[in-house]
Each structure stands twice: as structure tokens, then as C-alpha cells.
Protein backbone atom coordinates (compact mmCIF):
# COMPACT_ATOMS: atom_id res chain seq x y z
CA MET A 1 0.00 0.00 0.00
CA VAL A 2 1.34 3.43 -0.99
CA LYS A 3 0.06 6.13 1.29
CA GLU A 4 0.74 9.76 2.09
CA ASN A 5 1.26 10.83 5.71
CA LEU A 6 2.34 7.28 6.49
CA GLN A 7 4.63 8.22 9.37
CA PRO A 8 1.95 9.76 11.66
CA ASP A 9 -0.48 6.95 10.84
CA PHE A 10 2.21 4.39 11.68
CA LEU A 11 2.94 6.14 14.97
CA GLY A 12 -0.72 6.02 15.91
CA ALA A 13 -1.30 2.37 15.00
CA GLY A 14 -1.94 -0.08 17.81
CA PRO A 15 -0.26 -3.51 18.11
CA GLY A 16 -1.17 -5.69 15.15
CA THR A 17 -3.15 -2.94 13.39
CA GLY A 18 -0.45 -1.19 11.36
CA PRO A 19 1.74 -2.39 8.50
CA ASP A 20 4.35 -5.07 9.09
CA ILE A 21 6.94 -3.20 7.02
CA ILE A 22 7.28 0.51 6.36
CA LEU A 23 9.29 2.05 3.54
CA GLY A 24 10.45 5.47 4.59
CA SER A 25 13.25 7.91 5.07
CA TYR A 26 16.05 7.16 7.49
CA ASP A 27 15.30 10.45 9.25
CA TRP A 28 12.05 8.93 10.56
CA GLN A 29 14.05 6.79 12.95
CA PRO A 30 14.38 9.17 15.92
CA GLU A 31 10.62 9.54 16.30
CA LEU A 32 9.76 5.93 15.49
CA VAL A 33 12.46 4.49 17.76
CA ALA A 34 11.46 6.81 20.61
CA ALA A 35 7.89 5.55 20.26
CA GLY A 36 9.04 1.91 20.30
CA LYS A 37 7.68 1.30 16.81
CA LEU A 38 10.69 -0.32 15.12
CA GLU A 39 12.21 -3.78 15.45
CA PRO A 40 16.02 -4.00 15.12
CA ILE A 41 17.19 -6.23 12.28
CA ASP A 42 20.49 -7.94 11.57
CA VAL A 43 21.86 -6.96 8.14
CA SER A 44 25.39 -8.22 8.73
CA GLY A 45 25.03 -10.93 6.11
CA LEU A 46 24.11 -8.39 3.43
CA ALA A 47 25.96 -5.21 4.37
CA GLU A 48 29.05 -5.79 2.21
CA GLY A 49 26.87 -5.75 -0.89
CA PHE A 50 25.48 -2.28 -0.18
CA ILE A 51 26.68 1.30 -0.33
CA PRO A 52 28.29 1.62 3.14
CA GLY A 53 26.75 5.01 3.90
CA ALA A 54 23.28 3.72 3.09
CA ILE A 55 23.69 0.90 5.63
CA GLN A 56 25.06 3.44 8.11
CA ALA A 57 21.96 5.59 7.63
CA PHE A 58 19.84 2.99 9.41
CA ALA A 59 22.23 2.56 12.32
CA TYR A 60 20.71 4.54 15.16
CA GLN A 61 21.60 4.53 18.86
CA GLY A 62 23.63 1.36 18.51
CA GLN A 63 21.01 -0.67 16.63
CA GLN A 64 20.25 -1.34 12.96
CA TYR A 65 16.62 -0.43 12.27
CA GLY A 66 16.34 -0.81 8.54
CA LEU A 67 17.71 -2.03 5.24
CA PRO A 68 18.29 0.72 2.66
CA VAL A 69 16.63 0.49 -0.73
CA SER A 70 17.84 3.78 -2.23
CA GLN A 71 20.29 6.62 -1.65
CA GLU A 72 20.56 10.22 -2.81
CA ASN A 73 23.77 12.23 -2.56
CA ALA A 74 25.55 15.23 -4.00
CA ALA A 75 28.31 14.90 -6.58
CA LEU A 76 30.26 17.02 -9.02
CA ALA A 77 28.08 17.50 -12.11
CA CYS A 78 30.22 18.73 -15.01
CA VAL A 79 29.75 19.80 -18.61
CA LEU A 80 31.77 17.24 -20.59
CA GLU A 81 33.13 19.75 -23.09
CA ALA A 82 34.97 21.48 -20.23
CA MET A 83 35.59 18.47 -17.96
CA PRO A 84 35.60 15.26 -20.03
CA THR A 85 36.98 13.07 -17.23
CA ALA A 86 36.68 13.07 -13.47
CA PRO A 87 39.03 15.61 -11.85
CA GLU A 88 41.57 14.06 -9.53
CA THR A 89 42.15 17.19 -7.43
CA PHE A 90 40.06 20.05 -6.17
CA GLN A 91 42.30 22.54 -7.93
CA GLU A 92 41.63 20.82 -11.25
CA ALA A 93 37.91 21.42 -10.77
CA VAL A 94 38.52 25.05 -9.76
CA ALA A 95 40.68 25.65 -12.82
CA ALA A 96 37.90 24.36 -15.09
CA GLY A 97 35.31 26.48 -13.27
CA LEU A 98 33.73 25.15 -10.08
CA ALA A 99 30.43 26.37 -8.67
CA ILE A 100 29.16 25.71 -5.14
CA SER A 101 26.12 27.68 -4.07
CA LEU A 102 26.60 29.81 -0.97
CA ASN A 103 22.90 30.71 -0.98
CA ASP A 104 23.39 34.46 -1.44
CA GLY A 105 25.94 34.58 1.35
CA ALA A 106 24.08 32.41 3.87
CA GLY A 107 26.58 29.53 3.54
CA ASP A 108 26.12 25.88 2.67
CA PRO A 109 27.72 23.31 5.01
CA TYR A 110 25.76 20.55 3.28
CA HIS A 111 27.57 20.90 -0.04
CA PHE A 112 30.89 21.92 1.54
CA TYR A 113 30.93 18.71 3.58
CA ALA A 114 32.93 16.74 1.01
CA LEU A 115 35.69 19.34 1.21
CA GLN A 116 35.69 19.43 5.02
CA THR A 117 35.75 15.66 5.42
CA SER A 118 38.72 15.41 3.04
CA PHE A 119 40.69 16.92 5.94
CA GLY A 120 39.38 14.25 8.34
CA ALA A 121 36.93 16.56 10.13
CA PRO A 122 33.42 15.03 10.32
CA VAL A 123 30.68 17.02 11.99
CA PHE A 124 30.17 14.30 14.66
CA GLU A 125 32.18 11.27 15.68
CA THR A 126 30.66 7.85 15.00
CA ALA A 127 30.35 4.60 16.94
CA GLU A 128 31.71 1.31 15.57
CA ASP A 129 28.35 0.51 13.96
CA GLY A 130 28.33 3.88 12.17
CA SER A 131 25.67 5.55 14.30
CA TYR A 132 26.46 9.13 15.22
CA LEU A 133 27.67 10.09 18.66
CA THR A 134 27.02 13.51 20.16
CA VAL A 135 30.75 14.34 20.21
CA LEU A 136 31.85 17.00 17.74
CA GLY A 137 34.35 15.71 15.21
CA MET A 138 35.37 19.06 13.75
CA GLY A 139 36.98 20.52 16.86
CA THR A 140 40.22 18.66 16.15
CA GLU A 141 43.39 19.80 14.37
CA ALA A 142 41.79 18.51 11.18
CA GLY A 143 38.91 20.95 11.59
CA PHE A 144 41.28 23.88 12.01
CA ALA A 145 43.27 22.65 9.00
CA PHE A 146 40.11 22.82 6.92
CA ALA A 147 39.40 26.32 8.20
CA ALA A 148 42.91 27.43 7.22
CA TRP A 149 42.52 25.86 3.78
CA LEU A 150 39.16 27.56 3.28
CA SER A 151 40.75 30.91 4.08
CA ASP A 152 43.66 30.27 1.70
CA ASN A 153 41.24 29.32 -1.08
CA ALA A 154 38.54 31.90 -0.38
CA THR A 155 38.76 33.34 -3.89
CA SER A 156 37.55 30.00 -5.28
CA PHE A 157 34.08 30.67 -3.87
CA GLU A 158 31.49 33.35 -4.63
CA LEU A 159 29.48 34.57 -1.65
CA ALA A 160 26.70 35.84 -3.91
CA SER A 161 26.29 32.47 -5.63
CA ASN A 162 22.90 30.80 -5.82
CA THR A 163 21.12 28.20 -7.93
CA ARG A 164 19.89 30.73 -10.48
CA ASN A 165 23.21 32.40 -11.25
CA ILE A 166 25.11 29.09 -11.22
CA LYS A 167 22.78 27.74 -13.91
CA GLU A 168 23.37 30.90 -15.93
CA GLN A 169 27.14 30.49 -15.57
CA LEU A 170 27.04 26.86 -16.67
CA VAL A 171 24.98 27.70 -19.76
CA ALA A 172 27.28 30.62 -20.58
CA GLY A 173 30.34 28.40 -20.18
CA THR A 174 31.96 30.47 -17.42
CA LYS A 175 31.56 27.52 -15.04
CA ALA A 176 32.14 23.87 -15.87
CA CYS A 177 31.08 21.97 -12.74
CA TRP A 178 28.46 22.32 -10.04
CA LEU A 179 28.48 20.50 -6.71
CA THR A 180 24.84 19.48 -6.59
CA GLY A 181 22.57 16.43 -6.47
CA PRO A 182 20.32 14.30 -8.70
CA TRP A 183 17.51 16.79 -8.08
CA ASN A 184 19.22 18.93 -10.76
CA GLY A 185 19.92 16.02 -13.12
CA ASN A 186 16.93 16.74 -15.37
CA TRP A 187 18.09 20.33 -15.75
CA PHE A 188 21.48 19.11 -16.98
CA ASN A 189 19.73 16.79 -19.45
CA GLU A 190 17.60 19.63 -20.77
CA GLN A 191 20.52 22.03 -21.16
CA PHE A 192 23.33 19.76 -22.36
CA GLY A 193 21.67 16.50 -23.38
CA GLU A 194 22.29 13.18 -21.63
CA SER A 195 25.63 12.77 -23.41
CA GLY A 196 26.78 16.31 -22.66
CA TRP A 197 27.44 16.08 -18.94
CA ALA A 198 28.57 13.64 -16.25
CA ALA A 199 28.43 13.27 -12.48
CA TYR A 200 31.78 12.57 -10.79
CA PRO A 201 32.92 11.98 -7.21
CA VAL A 202 33.92 15.23 -5.51
CA PRO A 203 37.73 15.45 -5.64
CA PRO A 204 39.47 15.92 -2.28
CA ALA A 205 40.70 19.30 -1.13
CA GLY A 206 42.66 17.72 1.74
CA PRO A 207 44.76 14.60 2.21
CA TYR A 208 41.85 12.13 2.44
CA PRO A 209 38.92 11.10 0.23
CA GLY A 210 35.98 13.35 1.01
CA SER A 211 32.42 12.26 1.76
CA THR A 212 29.34 14.08 0.58
CA PHE A 213 26.23 13.96 2.73
CA SER A 214 23.56 11.50 1.65
CA GLY A 215 20.02 10.56 2.47
CA ALA A 216 18.49 7.08 2.30
CA THR A 217 15.14 5.38 2.10
CA GLY A 218 14.77 1.94 3.57
CA ALA A 219 12.57 -0.88 4.78
CA MET A 220 11.86 -0.94 8.52
CA VAL A 221 10.05 -3.69 10.42
CA ALA A 222 7.25 -2.74 12.80
CA SER A 223 7.80 -3.91 16.35
CA GLY A 224 4.02 -4.23 16.78
CA SER A 225 3.68 -6.61 13.86
CA ASP A 226 2.14 -10.04 14.42
CA ALA A 227 4.63 -11.39 11.87
CA VAL A 228 8.00 -9.89 12.77
CA ALA A 229 9.96 -12.96 11.64
CA THR A 230 8.16 -13.17 8.29
CA ALA A 231 8.47 -9.43 7.70
CA THR A 232 12.16 -9.50 8.53
CA LYS A 233 12.73 -12.40 6.16
CA PHE A 234 10.95 -10.52 3.36
CA VAL A 235 13.05 -7.41 3.95
CA LEU A 236 16.34 -9.30 3.99
CA GLU A 237 15.68 -11.89 1.29
CA TYR A 238 13.62 -9.93 -1.22
CA LEU A 239 14.10 -6.20 -0.62
CA GLY A 240 17.77 -6.93 0.06
CA SER A 241 18.17 -8.72 -3.28
CA SER A 242 19.06 -7.15 -6.61
CA GLN A 243 15.64 -8.19 -7.90
CA GLY A 244 13.81 -6.42 -5.09
CA GLN A 245 16.01 -3.32 -5.27
CA LEU A 246 15.54 -3.02 -9.04
CA ALA A 247 11.78 -3.44 -8.69
CA LEU A 248 11.67 -0.48 -6.32
CA PHE A 249 14.05 1.47 -8.54
CA GLN A 250 11.62 1.11 -11.44
CA GLY A 251 8.98 2.84 -9.32
CA THR A 252 11.07 5.57 -7.68
CA GLY A 253 13.91 6.30 -10.10
CA LYS A 254 16.27 6.68 -7.12
CA ALA A 255 19.67 5.01 -7.09
CA PRO A 256 19.49 1.50 -5.56
CA ALA A 257 21.46 1.06 -2.35
CA GLU A 258 22.52 -2.48 -3.26
CA LEU A 259 25.69 -2.36 -5.35
CA ALA A 260 24.78 -5.03 -7.90
CA ALA A 261 21.41 -3.37 -8.52
CA LEU A 262 23.10 0.00 -8.85
CA GLU A 263 25.42 -1.44 -11.49
CA GLN A 264 22.37 -2.74 -13.35
CA SER A 265 20.69 0.68 -13.33
CA SER A 266 23.26 2.18 -15.72
CA ALA A 267 20.62 2.90 -18.36
CA SER A 268 19.27 5.59 -16.03
CA LYS A 269 22.02 8.22 -16.24
CA ILE A 270 20.99 10.41 -13.32
CA ALA A 271 20.46 7.64 -10.76
CA TYR A 272 23.46 5.61 -11.88
CA GLU A 273 26.08 8.35 -12.15
CA PHE A 274 25.12 10.15 -8.96
CA GLY A 275 24.85 6.80 -7.20
CA MET A 276 28.30 5.69 -8.32
CA ALA A 277 29.72 9.09 -7.38
CA GLY A 278 28.31 8.66 -3.88
CA LEU A 279 29.91 5.37 -2.85
CA GLU A 280 31.90 7.23 -0.18
CA SER A 281 28.95 9.34 0.98
CA VAL A 282 27.84 9.34 4.61
CA PRO A 283 24.33 9.97 5.91
CA MET A 284 23.52 13.43 7.15
CA PRO A 285 23.07 13.04 10.93
CA VAL A 286 19.50 12.90 12.19
CA ILE A 287 20.35 13.16 15.89
CA ALA A 288 18.66 16.08 17.68
CA GLU A 289 21.99 17.81 18.31
CA MET A 290 22.27 18.53 14.59
CA ASP A 291 19.70 21.31 14.95
CA SER A 292 22.26 23.35 16.89
CA ILE A 293 24.93 22.95 14.22
CA TRP A 294 23.70 24.40 10.94
CA VAL A 295 23.53 28.14 11.65
CA PRO A 296 26.90 28.66 13.38
CA TRP A 297 28.55 26.21 10.97
CA ALA A 298 27.33 28.15 7.93
CA ALA A 299 28.21 31.47 9.53
CA ALA A 300 31.77 30.28 10.19
CA GLN A 301 32.24 29.24 6.57
CA VAL A 302 30.98 32.57 5.29
CA GLY A 303 33.06 34.52 7.82
CA ILE A 304 36.21 32.68 6.79
CA ILE A 305 35.58 33.19 3.07
CA ARG A 306 34.79 36.87 3.66
CA GLY A 307 37.92 37.29 5.80
CA ASP A 308 36.16 38.57 8.91
CA ASP A 309 38.98 37.34 11.17
CA GLU A 310 41.72 34.74 11.33
CA PRO A 311 40.25 31.34 10.31
CA ALA A 312 41.25 29.68 13.59
CA VAL A 313 39.51 32.43 15.56
CA ILE A 314 36.29 32.07 13.56
CA TRP A 315 36.38 28.26 13.76
CA GLN A 316 36.91 28.34 17.53
CA LYS A 317 34.06 30.80 17.96
CA MET A 318 31.82 28.41 16.04
CA LEU A 319 32.88 25.48 18.24
CA ASP A 320 32.28 27.50 21.40
CA GLU A 321 28.81 28.51 20.24
CA ILE A 322 27.86 24.96 19.30
CA ASN A 323 29.21 23.47 22.52
CA ALA A 324 27.36 26.08 24.58
CA SER A 325 24.09 25.30 22.80
CA LEU A 326 24.65 21.58 23.41
CA GLY A 327 25.42 22.19 27.06
CA TYR A 328 29.02 20.94 26.87
């Protein structure tokens, strides 16, 4: 059954009255887990065949609550005439003409995340199972190294950039690549034709491979189901198979989370190329502490690019503000 407003209906369902399996976004987990609505499942026998970040998306508070069926992530979408092969370095992308929206000067930590993580500075630390801890990961030397790099490369970014003017620049040929997601894939097809552009992994700015943020949709088993064992078996054996993943892909058009199914989706340029470019992606945290991060994080990026103060001073101010809001 496909239904709108499924999450609130699922929350309100009594034992044995709701669905046995729910297909939904990984960011539903905090509310559903808090309400005792989800049954943990063991995906260890399947995990190696999936995009790692998609599996990680359903690791929450030390448990695995779902099996991913699709993933969406940002990548470097480039006009092939200007960038015919994937750039190996960040500077190569800049030289060709790189665009990252700074939302008219408001900042964009989401799209900058691949650059920050290439210095080894994640927003939060993670547990062994991949679930996010509430310990900041960007208050280390690596975080300050990213801040220094951002200051040194400030001229590579345009504070007044936004979606509209980036599209104009790409069409005019003054920019070659845009760090964006599959939600702009159809625009690239319309402007350059399917054979006129490509989506590549984001090249590292620092010493490590970077990770873009991703989101995932997955199958979760209802703890109130009268058939938990049967539902779990269906999730693992069918929805976890290439056949099941491709069946869902045909309906959603989103990149399958299972690697073999993703490989078989190559006829769909947008899903396939963004999916392949996101094999190192990590899920955007859905823990409550994330709400205290976005505004000071974006402000720090903008302040560094604008040259408001020394990058270390701005970065430390950001950390102090975030830690104060988190009560640390």
C-alpha cells in the first residue's frame, strides 16, 4: 500500500493494526524508535553488498533499524566539453570552473561537507556501527586545518552564488562543474543532453577522500507486527536482493542502495552516475543535536571566506557557540 502521511499513521497504529513493514526515510528513525515502533534487524550478512553510507543511515543509537533500498547524494556534475573526465584534485575542478552555491551569502555546510571531510573533520564522531555520537568531530586539528585551507582558497568561492546564477554560468560556459545532487539532473539533461554532462565523485581538497552527505530510504520492520519474523525475512531476502532493489528502482527512479542493482541501473544516467559518485557518501546526521549545528557552521564558513577574522579564531568561535548550545 502506498500512502501519504504514512509516518503519523504508523505512529498512531496499535499492536497488530499497522503495516508489518514501512518504507520510509532514514530520518524517521528518531521519532519511530522513541515511540518503540521499530524492530532492530540484523543486516550483517548483506551489508558488504550495499553502499556503506546507506547501511550506516539505518544505524541509530547502537542498533540497525532498517535495510536501505535507495540513496541520494551530491556529486560534481560537469559539462563534458569542459571536464571530459573526473578531476583528480580540487584545484583541477577550480581551474575548469567550479560552482558551489553559498545561498546568497548564507553559507552551505551541506555541499561543503565533502571538502571538510577530506581533511578528516566530520561534523560528529561515530560509533563502531556507524551511528552518530554527540561528540563533535570538527573541533580537532583537522577541523582547524580545513578552516585554514578555506581561508587560503577563499577566492575559489562566490558569496553571492545561488542556484539561479550558477545555472546561468554553466549555460554561458563560465563555469564547468556544479556541486549538486540528482535533483538537478533533469536540468542538466535539458541544457546539455544526456551525453553532454557527467556526475563525478567530488575530488578531495585535503589529504583524504571526502564524503558528501547523503540521504536514504529503507525498509523498517514494525515492532508491533504479528509477523516480525516473516516481515524481517521478506526485507532481507527480497528487498535486500538485486531483484527487489531493481523493482523499487523502477517505481522511484532513485539510485538503488545495493551495489549489484546500482550497477544494473546504468541505463538511467541520473540515478546511476550520482549513485556511483556517492559510494563514499555518509548519511547526514539525524540526531537532535544537529539542529544546533547548521547556523553557526554556515556562519563560520561565510566569515572565513569573507575574511572577517583569522580562520582559527572564527572556527573556535563556532565550536564554542555549538558546545554552549549543546550544554558541553
